[in-house]
Amino acid sequence: MSVDMTRKVIVYSTPLCTPCEALKRFLRSHDVAFVAKDLMMDEVAAEYIESKSIRSTPVLQIDDQLYYGSDLSAERLEQLLAL
């Protein structure tokens, strides 16, 4: 099954974040193209996430929607990404 490549997928993460690495592995294993943004290195990305009052990582952006916390379960990701 192919993933819709027209969607913008971004993973906002921090260094040494085990759930962040797990999310990236999940996306790669399902051939989902994404851009990774390190919130410790990318000030603009960090300010964007902070402006949304999100205080945990990882954060997954699909188009203009942000998902984090319990939205990042494997089952929910499969729904969100239509895998």
Protein backbone atom coordinates (compact mmCIF):
# COMPACT_ATOMS: atom_id res chain seq x y z
CA MET A 1 0.00 0.00 0.00
CA SER A 2 1.47 3.35 -0.95
CA VAL A 3 1.41 6.41 1.27
CA ASP A 4 0.10 9.70 -0.08
CA MET A 5 3.33 11.60 -0.78
CA THR A 6 1.62 14.96 -1.19
CA ARG A 7 1.18 15.34 2.55
CA LYS A 8 3.68 17.28 4.60
CA VAL A 9 4.97 15.14 7.48
CA ILE A 10 7.32 16.61 10.09
CA VAL A 11 8.66 15.02 13.27
CA TYR A 12 9.63 17.50 15.98
CA SER A 13 12.02 15.80 18.38
CA THR A 14 14.74 16.33 20.95
CA PRO A 15 18.09 14.55 21.39
CA LEU A 16 18.13 11.31 23.40
CA CYS A 17 14.33 11.04 23.18
CA THR A 18 13.51 7.33 22.92
CA PRO A 19 9.87 7.88 21.82
CA CYS A 20 11.12 10.31 19.14
CA GLU A 21 13.44 7.67 17.70
CA ALA A 22 10.66 5.06 17.87
CA LEU A 23 8.33 7.36 15.91
CA LYS A 24 10.97 7.95 13.22
CA ARG A 25 11.60 4.18 12.98
CA PHE A 26 7.86 3.56 12.63
CA LEU A 27 7.57 6.12 9.82
CA ARG A 28 10.62 4.75 7.99
CA SER A 29 9.36 1.17 8.30
CA HIS A 30 6.13 2.24 6.59
CA ASP A 31 7.94 4.25 3.89
CA VAL A 32 6.50 7.55 5.11
CA ALA A 33 8.65 10.45 3.92
CA PHE A 34 9.18 13.01 6.67
CA VAL A 35 11.36 15.90 7.75
CA ALA A 36 12.91 15.70 11.23
CA LYS A 37 13.32 18.92 13.19
CA ASP A 38 15.46 18.96 16.33
CA LEU A 39 13.85 21.37 18.79
CA MET A 40 17.21 21.96 20.50
CA MET A 41 18.82 23.12 17.26
CA ASP A 42 15.91 24.69 15.34
CA GLU A 43 14.78 27.79 17.19
CA VAL A 44 11.92 28.53 14.79
CA ALA A 45 10.54 25.01 15.17
CA ALA A 46 10.91 25.18 18.96
CA GLU A 47 9.03 28.48 19.11
CA TYR A 48 6.28 27.06 16.88
CA ILE A 49 5.73 24.02 19.13
CA GLU A 50 5.89 26.19 22.24
CA SER A 51 3.32 28.58 20.73
CA LYS A 52 0.93 25.60 20.53
CA SER A 53 1.44 24.96 24.29
CA ILE A 54 2.94 21.54 23.60
CA ARG A 55 5.56 20.62 26.18
CA SER A 56 6.46 17.06 25.20
CA THR A 57 8.16 15.30 22.33
CA PRO A 58 7.81 13.82 19.85
CA VAL A 59 5.28 15.92 17.97
CA LEU A 60 4.09 14.71 14.58
CA GLN A 61 2.79 17.22 12.06
CA ILE A 62 0.69 15.95 9.18
CA ASP A 63 -0.14 18.84 6.89
CA ASP A 64 -1.40 21.48 9.36
CA GLN A 65 -2.41 19.14 12.20
CA LEU A 66 -0.20 18.40 15.21
CA TYR A 67 -0.30 15.08 17.07
CA TYR A 68 1.49 14.16 20.29
CA GLY A 69 1.11 12.06 23.41
CA SER A 70 -1.53 9.34 23.09
CA ASP A 71 -2.18 10.29 19.44
CA LEU A 72 1.13 8.62 18.59
CA SER A 73 0.13 5.02 19.34
CA ALA A 74 0.83 2.64 16.45
CA GLU A 75 -2.90 2.12 15.87
CA ARG A 76 -3.61 5.86 15.75
CA LEU A 77 -0.63 6.50 13.46
CA GLU A 78 -1.91 3.86 11.05
CA GLN A 79 -5.29 5.65 10.98
CA LEU A 80 -3.79 9.13 10.59
CA LEU A 81 -1.44 8.04 7.81
CA ALA A 82 -3.92 5.66 6.16
CA LEU A 83 -1.45 2.78 6.31
